[in-house]
């Protein structure tokens, strides 16, 4: 027999725990009080839920002063949650994505860009030959290194087991966006360049007008029109 998924499924399947996990998908660490507000439950109730999620390895916790901050344990857990969101979206008969337009356009998926602009980045790079299929999924090609190098993205291979680049099914667009270490580096670069910034207490990644124009220019959008 393979690994037993029932414990994880039961933990994620609870509404309050699911709401707390979704709130943490913005990539920030939050306190129990903040997560209680996000889940719509009491501080005592969320403490029990958080303890269960930490014990199961879905969340990590760090103490700082009088507060304890909770975050998604790692990228693999985040990838699992985004996949579940995609599966849930497939069951919606009418609303197929976030109701908030800004959230649907560009949002943080743990540590990489998702939404309409996230999908655009992956698809345009793929069309330019930036990726090739490898034994573990997609791999960055020399064309991809050149394109990302033009933007000043750090392409140093990090230590660790996390894939350097992978696809992630976008739950609002129903198409893939770029995840993995490279997806995180690219999102960081967008912020460093001043093209976009994270909206406080939200998963929204707000691109300013000039930043979005430069993003589309880099992707060759003007050449396609």
N, C-alpha and C. Protein backbone atom coordinates (compact mmCIF):
# COMPACT_ATOMS: atom_id res chain seq x y z
N UNK A 1 0.83 -1.20 0.00
CA UNK A 1 0.00 0.00 0.00
C UNK A 1 0.86 1.26 0.00
N UNK A 2 0.35 2.32 -0.63
CA UNK A 2 1.06 3.60 -0.66
C UNK A 2 0.73 4.42 0.58
N UNK A 3 1.18 5.65 0.61
CA UNK A 3 0.91 6.52 1.76
C UNK A 3 -0.59 6.71 1.96
N UNK A 4 -1.01 6.80 3.21
CA UNK A 4 -2.41 6.98 3.54
C UNK A 4 -2.74 8.48 3.48
N UNK A 5 -3.63 8.87 2.58
CA UNK A 5 -3.94 10.28 2.38
C UNK A 5 -5.11 10.76 3.23
N UNK A 6 -5.74 9.86 3.97
CA UNK A 6 -6.97 10.22 4.66
C UNK A 6 -6.75 11.31 5.72
N UNK A 7 -5.63 11.25 6.45
CA UNK A 7 -5.38 12.25 7.50
C UNK A 7 -5.23 13.64 6.90
N UNK A 8 -4.42 13.73 5.84
CA UNK A 8 -4.21 15.02 5.19
C UNK A 8 -5.51 15.53 4.58
N UNK A 9 -6.25 14.63 3.94
CA UNK A 9 -7.51 15.02 3.30
C UNK A 9 -8.50 15.55 4.34
N UNK A 10 -8.56 14.90 5.50
CA UNK A 10 -9.48 15.34 6.55
C UNK A 10 -9.08 16.70 7.11
N UNK A 11 -7.78 16.93 7.25
CA UNK A 11 -7.31 18.21 7.78
C UNK A 11 -7.62 19.35 6.82
N UNK A 12 -7.31 19.16 5.56
CA UNK A 12 -7.54 20.21 4.57
C UNK A 12 -9.03 20.39 4.31
N UNK A 13 -9.80 19.32 4.46
CA UNK A 13 -11.23 19.36 4.14
C UNK A 13 -12.09 20.14 5.11
N UNK A 14 -11.58 20.41 6.31
CA UNK A 14 -12.35 21.22 7.26
C UNK A 14 -12.39 22.67 6.79
N UNK A 15 -13.55 23.31 6.87
CA UNK A 15 -13.71 24.66 6.33
C UNK A 15 -12.80 25.68 7.01
N UNK A 16 -12.74 25.68 8.33
CA UNK A 16 -11.92 26.67 9.04
C UNK A 16 -10.44 26.47 8.73
N UNK A 17 -10.00 25.21 8.74
CA UNK A 17 -8.59 24.96 8.42
C UNK A 17 -8.30 25.31 6.96
N UNK A 18 -9.26 25.03 6.08
CA UNK A 18 -9.09 25.37 4.67
C UNK A 18 -8.97 26.87 4.46
N UNK A 19 -9.77 27.66 5.20
CA UNK A 19 -9.70 29.11 5.09
C UNK A 19 -8.36 29.63 5.61
N UNK A 20 -7.88 29.05 6.68
CA UNK A 20 -6.59 29.46 7.24
C UNK A 20 -5.45 29.15 6.27
N UNK A 21 -5.49 27.98 5.67
CA UNK A 21 -4.46 27.60 4.69
C UNK A 21 -4.49 28.52 3.47
N UNK A 22 -5.70 28.85 3.04
CA UNK A 22 -5.84 29.74 1.88
C UNK A 22 -5.24 31.12 2.18
N UNK A 23 -5.47 31.61 3.40
CA UNK A 23 -4.93 32.91 3.79
C UNK A 23 -3.40 32.90 3.77
N UNK A 24 -2.82 31.78 4.14
CA UNK A 24 -1.37 31.67 4.18
C UNK A 24 -0.74 31.49 2.81
N UNK A 25 -1.57 31.22 1.80
CA UNK A 25 -1.05 31.08 0.44
C UNK A 25 -0.58 32.42 -0.14
N UNK A 26 -0.79 33.52 0.59
CA UNK A 26 -0.25 34.81 0.17
C UNK A 26 1.24 34.89 0.40
N UNK A 27 1.80 33.87 1.10
CA UNK A 27 3.24 33.82 1.30
C UNK A 27 3.74 34.49 2.56
N UNK A 28 2.83 35.05 3.35
CA UNK A 28 3.23 35.71 4.59
C UNK A 28 2.92 34.83 5.78
N UNK A 29 3.69 35.00 6.85
CA UNK A 29 3.41 34.33 8.11
C UNK A 29 2.38 35.16 8.87
N UNK A 30 1.41 34.49 9.49
CA UNK A 30 0.33 35.18 10.20
C UNK A 30 0.19 34.62 11.61
N UNK A 31 -0.34 35.46 12.50
CA UNK A 31 -0.59 35.02 13.87
C UNK A 31 -1.89 34.24 13.95
N UNK A 32 -2.09 33.58 15.08
CA UNK A 32 -3.32 32.83 15.30
C UNK A 32 -4.53 33.75 15.26
N UNK A 33 -4.40 34.95 15.81
CA UNK A 33 -5.51 35.90 15.80
C UNK A 33 -5.88 36.29 14.37
N UNK A 34 -4.88 36.56 13.55
CA UNK A 34 -5.14 36.91 12.16
C UNK A 34 -5.79 35.75 11.41
N UNK A 35 -5.36 34.55 11.71
CA UNK A 35 -5.93 33.38 11.04
C UNK A 35 -7.33 33.07 11.55
N UNK A 36 -7.59 33.37 12.83
CA UNK A 36 -8.94 33.20 13.36
C UNK A 36 -9.91 34.13 12.63
N UNK A 37 -9.48 35.37 12.39
CA UNK A 37 -10.32 36.32 11.65
C UNK A 37 -10.55 35.83 10.22
N UNK A 38 -9.51 35.31 9.59
CA UNK A 38 -9.63 34.84 8.21
C UNK A 38 -10.57 33.64 8.12
N UNK A 39 -10.55 32.79 9.14
CA UNK A 39 -11.37 31.59 9.13
C UNK A 39 -12.76 31.79 9.71
N UNK A 40 -12.98 32.93 10.39
CA UNK A 40 -14.28 33.20 10.99
C UNK A 40 -14.58 32.36 12.21
N UNK A 41 -13.53 32.06 12.99
CA UNK A 41 -13.72 31.27 14.21
C UNK A 41 -13.03 31.97 15.37
N UNK A 42 -13.19 31.43 16.57
CA UNK A 42 -12.59 32.04 17.75
C UNK A 42 -11.10 31.73 17.82
N UNK A 43 -10.40 32.49 18.65
CA UNK A 43 -8.96 32.28 18.85
C UNK A 43 -8.70 30.88 19.41
N UNK A 44 -9.55 30.43 20.33
CA UNK A 44 -9.37 29.11 20.93
C UNK A 44 -9.55 28.01 19.88
N UNK A 45 -10.57 28.17 19.04
CA UNK A 45 -10.83 27.16 18.01
C UNK A 45 -9.69 27.09 17.00
N UNK A 46 -9.20 28.25 16.55
CA UNK A 46 -8.14 28.23 15.55
C UNK A 46 -6.86 27.66 16.12
N UNK A 47 -6.61 27.86 17.41
CA UNK A 47 -5.41 27.31 18.04
C UNK A 47 -5.40 25.79 17.94
N UNK A 48 -6.56 25.18 18.15
CA UNK A 48 -6.66 23.72 18.02
C UNK A 48 -6.38 23.29 16.59
N UNK A 49 -7.00 24.00 15.63
CA UNK A 49 -6.79 23.68 14.22
C UNK A 49 -5.33 23.84 13.82
N UNK A 50 -4.71 24.92 14.25
CA UNK A 50 -3.32 25.17 13.88
C UNK A 50 -2.39 24.11 14.47
N UNK A 51 -2.67 23.69 15.67
CA UNK A 51 -1.87 22.63 16.28
C UNK A 51 -1.92 21.36 15.45
N UNK A 52 -3.10 21.03 14.95
CA UNK A 52 -3.25 19.84 14.11
C UNK A 52 -2.49 19.98 12.79
N UNK A 53 -2.53 21.17 12.21
CA UNK A 53 -1.84 21.39 10.93
C UNK A 53 -0.32 21.37 11.10
N UNK A 54 0.16 21.90 12.22
CA UNK A 54 1.60 21.86 12.49
C UNK A 54 2.04 20.41 12.73
N UNK A 55 1.26 19.68 13.51
CA UNK A 55 1.61 18.28 13.80
C UNK A 55 1.66 17.44 12.53
N UNK A 56 0.79 17.75 11.56
CA UNK A 56 0.75 17.00 10.31
C UNK A 56 1.82 17.45 9.32
N UNK A 57 2.55 18.50 9.65
CA UNK A 57 3.61 18.97 8.77
C UNK A 57 3.13 19.88 7.66
N UNK A 58 1.89 20.36 7.74
CA UNK A 58 1.38 21.27 6.73
C UNK A 58 1.75 22.72 7.02
N UNK A 59 1.94 23.03 8.29
CA UNK A 59 2.34 24.37 8.70
C UNK A 59 3.61 24.32 9.52
N UNK A 60 4.35 25.41 9.47
CA UNK A 60 5.50 25.60 10.35
C UNK A 60 5.19 26.79 11.24
N UNK A 61 5.77 26.82 12.42
CA UNK A 61 5.49 27.90 13.36
C UNK A 61 6.79 28.46 13.90
N UNK A 62 6.83 29.78 14.08
CA UNK A 62 8.03 30.44 14.60
C UNK A 62 7.60 31.45 15.67
N UNK A 63 8.29 31.40 16.81
CA UNK A 63 7.96 32.30 17.91
C UNK A 63 8.84 33.54 17.83
N UNK A 64 8.19 34.70 17.95
CA UNK A 64 8.91 35.98 17.91
C UNK A 64 8.30 36.87 18.98
N UNK A 65 9.03 37.07 20.03
CA UNK A 65 8.49 37.83 21.15
C UNK A 65 7.32 37.09 21.79
N UNK A 66 6.21 37.78 21.94
CA UNK A 66 5.02 37.16 22.54
C UNK A 66 4.17 36.43 21.52
N UNK A 67 4.50 36.58 20.26
CA UNK A 67 3.65 36.04 19.20
C UNK A 67 4.25 34.80 18.54
N UNK A 68 3.36 33.98 18.04
CA UNK A 68 3.77 32.84 17.22
C UNK A 68 3.22 33.08 15.81
N UNK A 69 4.07 32.90 14.84
CA UNK A 69 3.70 33.13 13.45
C UNK A 69 3.67 31.81 12.69
N UNK A 70 2.58 31.62 11.97
CA UNK A 70 2.38 30.38 11.22
C UNK A 70 2.54 30.65 9.73
N UNK A 71 3.08 29.68 9.02
CA UNK A 71 3.26 29.78 7.58
C UNK A 71 3.13 28.39 6.96
N UNK A 72 2.91 28.35 5.64
CA UNK A 72 2.91 27.09 4.92
C UNK A 72 4.26 26.43 5.11
N UNK A 73 4.28 25.13 5.39
CA UNK A 73 5.52 24.45 5.75
C UNK A 73 6.58 24.51 4.66
N UNK A 74 6.19 24.29 3.41
CA UNK A 74 7.17 24.33 2.32
C UNK A 74 6.44 24.43 0.98
N UNK A 75 7.23 24.49 -0.09
CA UNK A 75 6.67 24.67 -1.43
C UNK A 75 5.82 23.48 -1.87
N UNK A 76 6.15 22.28 -1.39
CA UNK A 76 5.38 21.10 -1.78
C UNK A 76 3.96 21.17 -1.22
N UNK A 77 3.83 21.64 0.01
CA UNK A 77 2.49 21.81 0.60
C UNK A 77 1.73 22.88 -0.17
N UNK A 78 2.40 23.98 -0.51
CA UNK A 78 1.75 25.05 -1.27
C UNK A 78 1.28 24.54 -2.63
N UNK A 79 2.11 23.72 -3.28
CA UNK A 79 1.74 23.17 -4.58
C UNK A 79 0.51 22.28 -4.46
N UNK A 80 0.45 21.48 -3.40
CA UNK A 80 -0.70 20.62 -3.17
C UNK A 80 -1.97 21.46 -3.00
N UNK A 81 -1.87 22.55 -2.23
CA UNK A 81 -3.04 23.38 -1.97
C UNK A 81 -3.52 24.08 -3.25
N UNK A 82 -2.59 24.59 -4.06
CA UNK A 82 -2.99 25.24 -5.31
C UNK A 82 -3.65 24.24 -6.25
N UNK A 83 -3.15 23.00 -6.25
CA UNK A 83 -3.76 21.96 -7.09
C UNK A 83 -5.19 21.67 -6.63
N UNK A 84 -5.40 21.62 -5.31
CA UNK A 84 -6.73 21.40 -4.78
C UNK A 84 -7.66 22.55 -5.13
N UNK A 85 -7.14 23.79 -5.10
CA UNK A 85 -7.95 24.94 -5.50
C UNK A 85 -8.37 24.82 -6.96
N UNK A 86 -7.45 24.33 -7.80
CA UNK A 86 -7.78 24.13 -9.20
C UNK A 86 -8.86 23.09 -9.38
N UNK A 87 -8.77 22.00 -8.60
CA UNK A 87 -9.78 20.95 -8.68
C UNK A 87 -11.14 21.46 -8.20
N UNK A 88 -11.12 22.28 -7.14
CA UNK A 88 -12.37 22.85 -6.62
C UNK A 88 -13.00 23.79 -7.64
N UNK A 89 -12.16 24.57 -8.34
CA UNK A 89 -12.68 25.52 -9.32
C UNK A 89 -13.36 24.80 -10.48
N UNK A 90 -12.90 23.61 -10.80
CA UNK A 90 -13.49 22.85 -11.91
C UNK A 90 -14.94 22.47 -11.62
N UNK A 91 -15.31 22.43 -10.34
CA UNK A 91 -16.66 22.03 -9.94
C UNK A 91 -17.63 23.19 -9.87
N UNK A 92 -17.12 24.42 -10.08
CA UNK A 92 -18.00 25.59 -10.00
C UNK A 92 -18.80 25.70 -11.29
N UNK A 93 -20.13 25.72 -11.22
CA UNK A 93 -20.92 25.77 -12.44
C UNK A 93 -20.91 27.11 -13.15
N UNK A 94 -20.71 28.21 -12.41
CA UNK A 94 -20.78 29.53 -13.04
C UNK A 94 -19.49 30.31 -12.83
N UNK A 95 -19.14 30.53 -11.57
CA UNK A 95 -17.97 31.34 -11.25
C UNK A 95 -16.73 30.48 -11.37
N UNK A 96 -15.89 30.76 -12.34
CA UNK A 96 -14.72 29.91 -12.60
C UNK A 96 -13.43 30.54 -12.11
N UNK A 97 -13.50 31.59 -11.37
CA UNK A 97 -12.30 32.21 -10.85
C UNK A 97 -12.62 33.18 -9.75
N UNK A 98 -11.61 33.86 -9.21
CA UNK A 98 -11.86 34.81 -8.13
C UNK A 98 -12.82 35.91 -8.58
N UNK A 99 -13.70 36.29 -7.70
CA UNK A 99 -14.67 37.34 -8.05
C UNK A 99 -14.01 38.71 -8.09
N UNK A 100 -12.96 38.88 -7.31
CA UNK A 100 -12.29 40.17 -7.30
C UNK A 100 -11.40 40.26 -8.55
N UNK A 101 -11.64 41.22 -9.45
CA UNK A 101 -10.86 41.31 -10.69
C UNK A 101 -9.36 41.40 -10.46
N UNK A 102 -8.93 42.15 -9.45
CA UNK A 102 -7.49 42.31 -9.20
C UNK A 102 -6.86 40.98 -8.81
N UNK A 103 -7.60 40.16 -8.05
CA UNK A 103 -7.08 38.87 -7.62
C UNK A 103 -6.97 37.92 -8.80
N UNK A 104 -7.90 38.03 -9.71
CA UNK A 104 -7.87 37.18 -10.89
C UNK A 104 -6.76 37.62 -11.86
N UNK A 105 -6.48 38.91 -11.91
CA UNK A 105 -5.47 39.40 -12.85
C UNK A 105 -4.06 38.99 -12.42
N UNK A 106 -3.71 39.20 -11.16
CA UNK A 106 -2.36 38.88 -10.69
C UNK A 106 -2.40 38.67 -9.18
N UNK A 107 -1.91 37.54 -8.73
CA UNK A 107 -1.91 37.25 -7.31
C UNK A 107 -0.68 36.42 -6.95
N UNK A 108 -0.38 36.37 -5.67
CA UNK A 108 0.72 35.56 -5.17
C UNK A 108 0.20 34.15 -4.91
N UNK A 109 0.90 33.18 -5.45
CA UNK A 109 0.62 31.77 -5.16
C UNK A 109 1.80 31.26 -4.35
N UNK A 110 1.75 31.47 -3.05
CA UNK A 110 2.81 31.10 -2.10
C UNK A 110 4.02 32.01 -2.29
N UNK A 111 4.78 31.83 -3.38
CA UNK A 111 5.93 32.71 -3.61
C UNK A 111 6.17 33.00 -5.09
N UNK A 112 5.17 32.69 -5.93
CA UNK A 112 5.31 32.96 -7.36
C UNK A 112 4.04 33.62 -7.90
N UNK A 113 4.09 34.07 -9.14
CA UNK A 113 3.00 34.85 -9.72
C UNK A 113 1.95 33.94 -10.35
N UNK A 114 0.69 34.20 -10.01
CA UNK A 114 -0.43 33.45 -10.57
C UNK A 114 -1.44 34.43 -11.14
N UNK A 115 -2.51 33.90 -11.70
CA UNK A 115 -3.53 34.73 -12.30
C UNK A 115 -3.25 34.98 -13.78
N UNK A 116 -4.00 35.90 -14.36
CA UNK A 116 -3.90 36.19 -15.79
C UNK A 116 -2.46 36.52 -16.22
N UNK A 117 -1.78 37.39 -15.45
CA UNK A 117 -0.43 37.77 -15.83
C UNK A 117 0.57 36.65 -15.58
N UNK A 118 0.34 35.84 -14.56
CA UNK A 118 1.21 34.69 -14.31
C UNK A 118 1.15 33.69 -15.45
N UNK A 119 -0.06 33.42 -15.94
CA UNK A 119 -0.24 32.52 -17.07
C UNK A 119 0.40 33.12 -18.33
N UNK A 120 0.24 34.42 -18.51
CA UNK A 120 0.82 35.10 -19.67
C UNK A 120 2.34 34.94 -19.69
N UNK A 121 2.97 35.13 -18.54
CA UNK A 121 4.42 35.01 -18.45
C UNK A 121 4.86 33.61 -18.88
N UNK A 122 4.23 32.59 -18.32
CA UNK A 122 4.63 31.22 -18.66
C UNK A 122 4.40 30.91 -20.13
N UNK A 123 3.24 31.26 -20.65
CA UNK A 123 2.91 30.91 -22.03
C UNK A 123 3.80 31.63 -23.04
N UNK A 124 4.08 32.91 -22.80
CA UNK A 124 4.92 33.65 -23.74
C UNK A 124 6.36 33.13 -23.69
N UNK A 125 6.87 32.84 -22.50
CA UNK A 125 8.21 32.28 -22.40
C UNK A 125 8.29 30.91 -23.08
N UNK A 126 7.25 30.11 -22.89
CA UNK A 126 7.22 28.79 -23.52
C UNK A 126 7.22 28.91 -25.04
N UNK A 127 6.47 29.88 -25.55
CA UNK A 127 6.41 30.10 -26.99
C UNK A 127 7.76 30.54 -27.55
N UNK A 128 8.56 31.17 -26.71
CA UNK A 128 9.89 31.62 -27.14
C UNK A 128 10.95 30.53 -26.94
N UNK A 129 10.53 29.34 -26.58
CA UNK A 129 11.45 28.22 -26.42
C UNK A 129 12.23 28.24 -25.13
N UNK A 130 11.68 28.87 -24.09
CA UNK A 130 12.40 28.99 -22.82
C UNK A 130 12.44 27.70 -22.03
N UNK A 131 11.56 26.77 -22.35
CA UNK A 131 11.48 25.52 -21.58
C UNK A 131 11.53 24.31 -22.50
N UNK A 132 12.06 23.23 -21.95
CA UNK A 132 12.05 21.95 -22.65
C UNK A 132 11.59 20.89 -21.66
N UNK A 133 10.99 19.83 -22.15
CA UNK A 133 10.56 18.75 -21.27
C UNK A 133 11.76 17.94 -20.82
N UNK A 134 11.86 17.75 -19.51
CA UNK A 134 12.94 16.95 -18.96
C UNK A 134 12.38 15.78 -18.18
N UNK A 135 13.23 14.96 -17.58
CA UNK A 135 12.75 13.78 -16.83
C UNK A 135 11.89 14.13 -15.63
N UNK A 136 12.08 15.34 -15.10
CA UNK A 136 11.32 15.75 -13.91
C UNK A 136 10.32 16.86 -14.21
N UNK A 137 9.96 17.02 -15.50
CA UNK A 137 9.03 18.08 -15.88
C UNK A 137 9.68 19.03 -16.86
N UNK A 138 9.49 20.33 -16.65
CA UNK A 138 10.10 21.29 -17.57
C UNK A 138 11.49 21.68 -17.08
N UNK A 139 12.35 22.04 -18.04
CA UNK A 139 13.71 22.49 -17.73
C UNK A 139 13.98 23.76 -18.51
N UNK A 140 14.80 24.63 -17.94
CA UNK A 140 15.13 25.89 -18.59
C UNK A 140 16.13 25.65 -19.71
N UNK A 141 15.87 26.22 -20.89
CA UNK A 141 16.77 26.09 -22.04
C UNK A 141 17.73 27.28 -22.11
N UNK A 142 18.65 27.23 -23.07
CA UNK A 142 19.57 28.35 -23.26
C UNK A 142 18.80 29.61 -23.67
N UNK A 143 17.72 29.44 -24.48
CA UNK A 143 16.88 30.59 -24.85
C UNK A 143 16.22 31.19 -23.62
N UNK A 144 15.80 30.30 -22.71
CA UNK A 144 15.18 30.79 -21.48
C UNK A 144 16.17 31.54 -20.61
N UNK A 145 17.38 31.03 -20.51
CA UNK A 145 18.41 31.70 -19.72
C UNK A 145 18.71 33.09 -20.29
N UNK A 146 18.72 33.17 -21.61
CA UNK A 146 18.99 34.46 -22.25
C UNK A 146 17.86 35.45 -21.96
N UNK A 147 16.61 34.99 -22.11
CA UNK A 147 15.47 35.86 -21.88
C UNK A 147 15.41 36.35 -20.43
N UNK A 148 15.64 35.45 -19.49
CA UNK A 148 15.58 35.82 -18.08
C UNK A 148 16.81 36.63 -17.68
N UNK A 149 17.94 36.36 -18.33
CA UNK A 149 19.14 37.13 -18.07
C UNK A 149 18.96 38.58 -18.47
N UNK A 150 18.20 38.83 -19.54
CA UNK A 150 17.92 40.19 -19.97
C UNK A 150 17.19 40.99 -18.90
N UNK A 151 16.45 40.27 -18.08
CA UNK A 151 15.68 40.93 -17.02
C UNK A 151 16.47 41.01 -15.72
N UNK A 152 17.65 40.37 -15.70
CA UNK A 152 18.48 40.40 -14.50
C UNK A 152 18.07 39.41 -13.44
N UNK A 153 17.38 38.33 -13.84
CA UNK A 153 16.95 37.31 -12.89
C UNK A 153 18.15 36.46 -12.48
N UNK A 154 18.31 36.23 -11.19
CA UNK A 154 19.38 35.38 -10.67
C UNK A 154 19.08 33.93 -11.01
N UNK A 155 19.92 33.32 -11.83
CA UNK A 155 19.68 31.94 -12.27
C UNK A 155 20.58 30.94 -11.56
N UNK A 156 21.15 31.34 -10.43
CA UNK A 156 21.97 30.42 -9.65
C UNK A 156 21.13 29.26 -9.15
N UNK A 157 21.65 28.06 -9.31
CA UNK A 157 20.92 26.89 -8.85
C UNK A 157 21.07 26.77 -7.34
N UNK A 158 19.96 26.76 -6.59
CA UNK A 158 20.05 26.68 -5.14
C UNK A 158 20.21 25.24 -4.67
N UNK A 159 20.66 25.10 -3.42
CA UNK A 159 20.70 23.78 -2.81
C UNK A 159 19.28 23.38 -2.41
N UNK A 160 19.05 22.11 -2.24
CA UNK A 160 17.73 21.65 -1.81
C UNK A 160 17.03 20.82 -2.86
N UNK A 161 15.90 20.23 -2.44
CA UNK A 161 15.17 19.30 -3.30
C UNK A 161 14.12 19.98 -4.16
N UNK A 162 13.84 21.24 -3.90
CA UNK A 162 12.76 21.90 -4.63
C UNK A 162 13.09 22.03 -6.11
N UNK A 163 12.14 21.70 -7.00
CA UNK A 163 12.40 21.83 -8.44
C UNK A 163 12.76 23.26 -8.82
N UNK A 164 13.70 23.41 -9.76
CA UNK A 164 14.10 24.74 -10.17
C UNK A 164 12.95 25.43 -10.92
N UNK A 165 12.30 24.70 -11.82
CA UNK A 165 11.11 25.26 -12.46
C UNK A 165 10.09 24.15 -12.68
N UNK A 166 8.85 24.51 -12.51
CA UNK A 166 7.76 23.55 -12.68
C UNK A 166 6.51 24.33 -13.08
N UNK A 167 5.53 23.62 -13.63
CA UNK A 167 4.26 24.27 -13.93
C UNK A 167 3.30 24.06 -12.77
N UNK A 168 2.38 24.98 -12.65
CA UNK A 168 1.36 24.92 -11.60
C UNK A 168 0.04 25.31 -12.25
N UNK A 169 -0.97 24.47 -12.09
CA UNK A 169 -2.26 24.74 -12.72
C UNK A 169 -2.93 25.92 -12.02
N UNK A 170 -3.20 26.97 -12.78
CA UNK A 170 -3.79 28.18 -12.23
C UNK A 170 -5.29 27.97 -12.02
N UNK A 171 -5.75 28.18 -10.80
CA UNK A 171 -7.14 27.83 -10.50
C UNK A 171 -8.16 28.83 -11.00
N UNK A 172 -7.73 30.01 -11.43
CA UNK A 172 -8.69 30.94 -12.03
C UNK A 172 -8.64 30.91 -13.55
N UNK A 173 -7.44 30.74 -14.11
CA UNK A 173 -7.30 30.73 -15.56
C UNK A 173 -7.44 29.34 -16.17
N UNK A 174 -7.32 28.30 -15.34
CA UNK A 174 -7.39 26.91 -15.80
C UNK A 174 -6.27 26.57 -16.78
N UNK A 175 -5.18 27.34 -16.73
CA UNK A 175 -4.00 27.06 -17.54
C UNK A 175 -2.79 27.15 -16.61
N UNK A 176 -1.62 26.85 -17.10
CA UNK A 176 -0.46 26.79 -16.23
C UNK A 176 0.22 28.14 -16.05
N UNK A 177 0.76 28.32 -14.84
CA UNK A 177 1.70 29.41 -14.60
C UNK A 177 3.02 28.79 -14.12
N UNK A 178 4.05 29.62 -13.98
CA UNK A 178 5.38 29.13 -13.63
C UNK A 178 5.58 29.13 -12.13
N UNK A 179 6.02 27.98 -11.61
CA UNK A 179 6.26 27.84 -10.17
C UNK A 179 7.71 27.40 -9.96
N UNK A 180 7.98 26.82 -8.80
CA UNK A 180 9.34 26.39 -8.49
C UNK A 180 10.23 27.55 -8.09
N UNK A 181 11.52 27.26 -7.93
CA UNK A 181 12.49 28.28 -7.54
C UNK A 181 12.51 29.42 -8.55
N UNK A 182 12.44 29.08 -9.84
CA UNK A 182 12.49 30.11 -10.88
C UNK A 182 11.28 31.03 -10.81
N UNK A 183 10.10 30.47 -10.55
CA UNK A 183 8.91 31.29 -10.41
C UNK A 183 9.05 32.28 -9.27
N UNK A 184 9.65 31.84 -8.17
CA UNK A 184 9.85 32.72 -7.01
C UNK A 184 10.87 33.81 -7.34
N UNK A 185 11.95 33.45 -8.02
CA UNK A 185 12.98 34.43 -8.39
C UNK A 185 12.39 35.48 -9.33
N UNK A 186 11.55 35.04 -10.25
CA UNK A 186 10.97 35.96 -11.21
C UNK A 186 10.03 36.95 -10.52
N UNK A 187 9.22 36.47 -9.60
CA UNK A 187 8.33 37.37 -8.86
C UNK A 187 9.13 38.38 -8.04
N UNK A 188 10.21 37.91 -7.41
CA UNK A 188 11.07 38.82 -6.65
C UNK A 188 11.64 39.91 -7.57
N UNK A 189 12.00 39.51 -8.79
CA UNK A 189 12.59 40.47 -9.72
C UNK A 189 11.57 41.52 -10.15
N UNK A 190 10.32 41.11 -10.35
CA UNK A 190 9.27 42.07 -10.71
C UNK A 190 9.14 43.13 -9.61
N UNK A 191 9.24 42.70 -8.36
CA UNK A 191 9.15 43.65 -7.24
C UNK A 191 10.39 44.54 -7.17
N UNK A 192 11.57 43.95 -7.39
CA UNK A 192 12.81 44.73 -7.34
C UNK A 192 12.82 45.82 -8.40
N UNK A 193 12.26 45.51 -9.58
CA UNK A 193 12.22 46.48 -10.67
C UNK A 193 11.16 47.56 -10.45
N UNK A 194 10.33 47.37 -9.43
CA UNK A 194 9.27 48.34 -9.16
C UNK A 194 8.07 48.20 -10.07
N UNK A 195 7.94 47.06 -10.74
CA UNK A 195 6.82 46.84 -11.64
C UNK A 195 5.53 46.51 -10.87
N UNK A 196 5.69 45.89 -9.72
CA UNK A 196 4.52 45.44 -8.96
C UNK A 196 4.84 45.40 -7.48
N UNK A 197 3.79 45.39 -6.66
CA UNK A 197 3.98 45.24 -5.22
C UNK A 197 2.81 44.45 -4.65
N UNK A 198 3.05 43.82 -3.55
CA UNK A 198 2.03 43.01 -2.90
C UNK A 198 1.07 43.93 -2.13
N UNK A 199 -0.20 43.66 -2.25
CA UNK A 199 -1.21 44.43 -1.53
C UNK A 199 -1.33 43.85 -0.13
N UNK A 200 -1.19 44.70 0.91
CA UNK A 200 -1.26 44.20 2.29
C UNK A 200 -2.56 43.43 2.56
N UNK A 201 -2.42 42.36 3.34
CA UNK A 201 -3.55 41.53 3.77
C UNK A 201 -4.36 41.00 2.59
N UNK A 202 -3.67 40.66 1.52
CA UNK A 202 -4.33 40.14 0.32
C UNK A 202 -3.33 39.32 -0.48
N UNK A 203 -3.84 38.48 -1.37
CA UNK A 203 -2.96 37.75 -2.28
C UNK A 203 -2.73 38.54 -3.57
N UNK A 204 -3.34 39.71 -3.67
CA UNK A 204 -3.22 40.50 -4.89
C UNK A 204 -1.79 41.00 -5.09
N UNK A 205 -1.28 40.85 -6.30
CA UNK A 205 -0.02 41.44 -6.71
C UNK A 205 -0.38 42.56 -7.69
N UNK A 206 -0.21 43.80 -7.27
CA UNK A 206 -0.66 44.94 -8.06
C UNK A 206 0.47 45.44 -8.96
N UNK A 207 0.29 45.30 -10.26
CA UNK A 207 1.22 45.86 -11.23
C UNK A 207 0.80 47.29 -11.54
N UNK A 208 1.74 48.22 -11.49
CA UNK A 208 1.41 49.58 -11.90
C UNK A 208 1.36 49.63 -13.43
N UNK A 209 0.82 50.71 -13.96
CA UNK A 209 0.62 50.80 -15.41
C UNK A 209 1.93 50.67 -16.18
N UNK A 210 2.96 51.38 -15.71
CA UNK A 210 4.26 51.32 -16.39
C UNK A 210 4.88 49.93 -16.25
N UNK A 211 4.71 49.32 -15.06
CA UNK A 211 5.27 48.00 -14.84
C UNK A 211 4.64 46.94 -15.72
N UNK A 212 3.33 47.00 -15.86
CA UNK A 212 2.66 46.02 -16.72
C UNK A 212 3.07 46.22 -18.18
N UNK A 213 3.24 47.47 -18.58
CA UNK A 213 3.66 47.76 -19.95
C UNK A 213 5.06 47.19 -20.20
N UNK A 214 5.96 47.34 -19.23
CA UNK A 214 7.31 46.82 -19.38
C UNK A 214 7.31 45.29 -19.37
N UNK A 215 6.45 44.71 -18.55
CA UNK A 215 6.33 43.25 -18.53
C UNK A 215 5.90 42.73 -19.90
N UNK A 216 4.88 43.34 -20.46
CA UNK A 216 4.37 42.90 -21.76
C UNK A 216 5.41 43.15 -22.86
N UNK A 217 6.15 44.24 -22.73
CA UNK A 217 7.20 44.52 -23.71
C UNK A 217 8.29 43.44 -23.65
N UNK A 218 8.70 43.08 -22.43
CA UNK A 218 9.70 42.02 -22.25
C UNK A 218 9.23 40.69 -22.82
N UNK A 219 7.95 40.43 -22.69
CA UNK A 219 7.38 39.18 -23.20
C UNK A 219 7.13 39.21 -24.70
N UNK A 220 7.34 40.37 -25.32
CA UNK A 220 7.13 40.48 -26.75
C UNK A 220 5.68 40.64 -27.14
N UNK A 221 4.85 41.15 -26.21
CA UNK A 221 3.44 41.31 -26.49
C UNK A 221 3.19 42.30 -27.63
N UNK A 222 4.01 43.37 -27.69
CA UNK A 222 3.83 44.36 -28.73
C UNK A 222 4.07 43.78 -30.12
N UNK A 223 4.97 42.77 -30.21
CA UNK A 223 5.28 42.16 -31.49
C UNK A 223 4.14 41.32 -32.01
N UNK A 224 3.22 40.92 -31.10
CA UNK A 224 2.14 40.02 -31.48
C UNK A 224 0.91 40.76 -31.97
N UNK A 225 0.89 42.09 -31.75
CA UNK A 225 -0.31 42.86 -32.06
C UNK A 225 -0.25 43.42 -33.46
